[in-house]
C-alpha atoms as a PDB file:
ATOM      1  CA  MET A   1      15.624  11.111   4.173  1.00  0.00           C
ATOM      2  CA  ALA A   2      12.829   8.644   3.663  1.00  0.00           C
ATOM      3  CA  THR A   3      11.562   5.847   5.864  1.00  0.00           C
ATOM      4  CA  HIS A   4      10.563   2.639   4.082  1.00  0.00           C
ATOM      5  CA  THR A   5       8.072   0.140   5.490  1.00  0.00           C
ATOM      6  CA  ARG A   6       6.346  -2.949   4.154  1.00  0.00           C
ATOM      7  CA  ARG A   7       3.025  -4.262   5.406  1.00  0.00           C
ATOM      8  CA  ARG A   8       2.088  -7.852   4.579  1.00  0.00           C
ATOM      9  CA  ILE A   9      -1.166  -8.352   2.680  1.00  0.00           C
ATOM     10  CA  ILE A  10      -2.947 -11.570   1.769  1.00  0.00           C
ATOM     11  CA  CYS A  11      -5.558 -12.482  -0.840  1.00  0.00           C
ATOM     12  CA  GLN A  12      -8.474 -14.703   0.080  1.00  0.00           C
ATOM     13  CA  CYS A  13      -6.912 -17.372  -2.170  1.00  0.00           C
ATOM     14  CA  GLY A  14      -3.829 -17.392   0.100  1.00  0.00           C
ATOM     15  CA  HIS A  15      -1.375 -15.470  -2.108  1.00  0.00           C
ATOM     16  CA  GLU A  16       0.773 -13.074  -0.073  1.00  0.00           C
ATOM     17  CA  GLY A  17       2.564  -9.851  -0.910  1.00  0.00           C
ATOM     18  CA  PHE A  18       3.279  -6.424   0.528  1.00  0.00           C
ATOM     19  CA  GLN A  19       1.993  -2.883   0.563  1.00  0.00           C
ATOM     20  CA  THR A  20       5.049  -0.621   0.533  1.00  0.00           C
ATOM     21  CA  LEU A  21       5.340   2.876   1.951  1.00  0.00           C
ATOM     22  CA  SER A  22       8.118   5.431   1.580  1.00  0.00           C
ATOM     23  CA  GLU A  23       7.611   8.595   3.593  1.00  0.00           C
ATOM     24  CA  ASN A  24       9.479  11.798   4.323  1.00  0.00           C
ATOM     25  CA  ASP A  25      10.791  11.614   7.873  1.00  0.00           C
ATOM     26  CA  SER A  26      12.419  15.052   8.016  1.00  0.00           C
ATOM     27  CA  SER A  27      11.163  17.322  10.767  1.00  0.00           C
ATOM     28  CA  PHE A  28       9.237  20.419   9.746  1.00  0.00           C
ATOM     29  CA  SER A  29       8.966  19.394   6.114  1.00  0.00           C
ATOM     30  CA  ARG A  30       5.889  18.902   3.993  1.00  0.00           C
ATOM     31  CA  VAL A  31       3.918  15.685   3.749  1.00  0.00           C
ATOM     32  CA  TRP A  32       5.219  13.164   1.227  1.00  0.00           C
ATOM     33  CA  GLU A  33       4.180   9.494   1.158  1.00  0.00           C
ATOM     34  CA  ARG A  34       4.525   7.026  -1.731  1.00  0.00           C
ATOM     35  CA  TYR A  35       2.540   3.776  -1.684  1.00  0.00           C
ATOM     36  CA  GLY A  36       3.142   0.732  -3.867  1.00  0.00           C
ATOM     37  CA  LEU A  37       2.566  -3.024  -4.065  1.00  0.00           C
ATOM     38  CA  ASP A  38       4.955  -6.005  -4.186  1.00  0.00           C
ATOM     39  CA  GLU A  39       3.675  -9.367  -5.481  1.00  0.00           C
ATOM     40  CA  PHE A  40       0.332  -7.806  -6.536  1.00  0.00           C
ATOM     41  CA  SER A  41      -0.483  -5.499  -9.421  1.00  0.00           C
ATOM     42  CA  GLY A  42      -2.449  -2.317  -8.818  1.00  0.00           C
ATOM     43  CA  ASN A  43      -2.177   1.428  -8.530  1.00  0.00           C
ATOM     44  CA  GLY A  44       0.594   3.038  -6.544  1.00  0.00           C
ATOM     45  CA  PHE A  45       0.285   6.705  -5.683  1.00  0.00           C
ATOM     46  CA  THR A  46       1.982   9.616  -3.950  1.00  0.00           C
ATOM     47  CA  ILE A  47       0.412  11.854  -1.314  1.00  0.00           C
ATOM     48  CA  THR A  48       1.675  15.411  -0.812  1.00  0.00           C
ATOM     49  CA  SER A  49      -1.204  16.633   1.373  1.00  0.00           C
ATOM     50  CA  TYR A  50      -3.265  14.950   4.062  1.00  0.00           C
ATOM     51  CA  ALA A  51      -6.341  16.224   2.203  1.00  0.00           C
ATOM     52  CA  ASP A  52      -5.364  13.791  -0.605  1.00  0.00           C
ATOM     53  CA  MET A  53      -5.300  10.782   1.750  1.00  0.00           C
ATOM     54  CA  PRO A  54      -7.970   8.217   0.828  1.00  0.00           C
ATOM     55  CA  ASP A  55     -10.077   6.732   3.629  1.00  0.00           C
ATOM     56  CA  ASP A  56      -8.957   3.202   2.722  1.00  0.00           C
ATOM     57  CA  ILE A  57      -5.461   3.235   1.246  1.00  0.00           C
ATOM     58  CA  LEU A  58      -5.385  -0.477   0.369  1.00  0.00           C
ATOM     59  CA  ALA A  59      -8.729  -0.332  -1.467  1.00  0.00           C
ATOM     60  CA  ALA A  60      -7.616   2.817  -3.335  1.00  0.00           C
ATOM     61  CA  MET A  61      -4.650   0.847  -4.696  1.00  0.00           C
ATOM     62  CA  LYS A  62      -6.992  -1.734  -6.274  1.00  0.00           C
ATOM     63  CA  PRO A  63      -4.623  -4.673  -5.693  1.00  0.00           C
ATOM     64  CA  THR A  64      -5.052  -7.524  -8.172  1.00  0.00           C
ATOM     65  CA  CYS A  65      -3.863 -11.018  -7.250  1.00  0.00           C
ATOM     66  CA  PRO A  66      -1.608 -12.693  -9.839  1.00  0.00           C
ATOM     67  CA  LYS A  67      -2.720 -16.146  -8.622  1.00  0.00           C
ATOM     68  CA  CYS A  68      -6.529 -15.887  -8.815  1.00  0.00           C
ATOM     69  CA  GLY A  69      -7.002 -12.625 -10.739  1.00  0.00           C
ATOM     70  CA  GLU A  70      -9.354 -11.077  -8.173  1.00  0.00           C
ATOM     71  CA  THR A  71      -9.204  -7.331  -7.528  1.00  0.00           C
ATOM     72  CA  ASN A  72      -9.733  -5.734  -4.090  1.00  0.00           C
ATOM     73  CA  ASN A  73     -10.014  -9.171  -2.491  1.00  0.00           C
ATOM     74  CA  VAL A  74      -7.079  -8.653  -0.091  1.00  0.00           C
ATOM     75  CA  ARG A  75      -6.647  -7.684   3.529  1.00  0.00           C
ATOM     76  CA  TYR A  76      -3.792  -6.865   5.835  1.00  0.00           C
ATOM     77  CA  ALA A  77      -2.253 -10.034   7.267  1.00  0.00           C
ATOM     78  CA  LYS A  78      -2.511 -10.499  11.027  1.00  0.00           C
ATOM     79  CA  GLY A  79       0.432  -9.049  12.891  1.00  0.00           C
ATOM     80  CA  SER A  80       1.456  -6.662  10.113  1.00  0.00           C
END
C-alpha cells in the first residue's frame, strides 16, 4: 500500500498549492517515494534509494508559480 500526504506551499506572491508525496508504507520493503506538485508546475520525481534523495526536495522540484511566473520562489506554509 501507499501513504499519500500533501504539504501546503506558498509563493511569495501569495499563491498557494501543495507538494504531494506517495510513499511505500509496507514493512521490510524497499524505499519508494513519489513527489509531485498541485497548483504549481515543476518537476515531480520518484526516489527508490535514500542515496537519490536531494538535500532540498522542494528546490529540486523547481516549482513555478502560475500567478507570477517565478521559479523556486516558494516555501512551506506555516503549520504544514
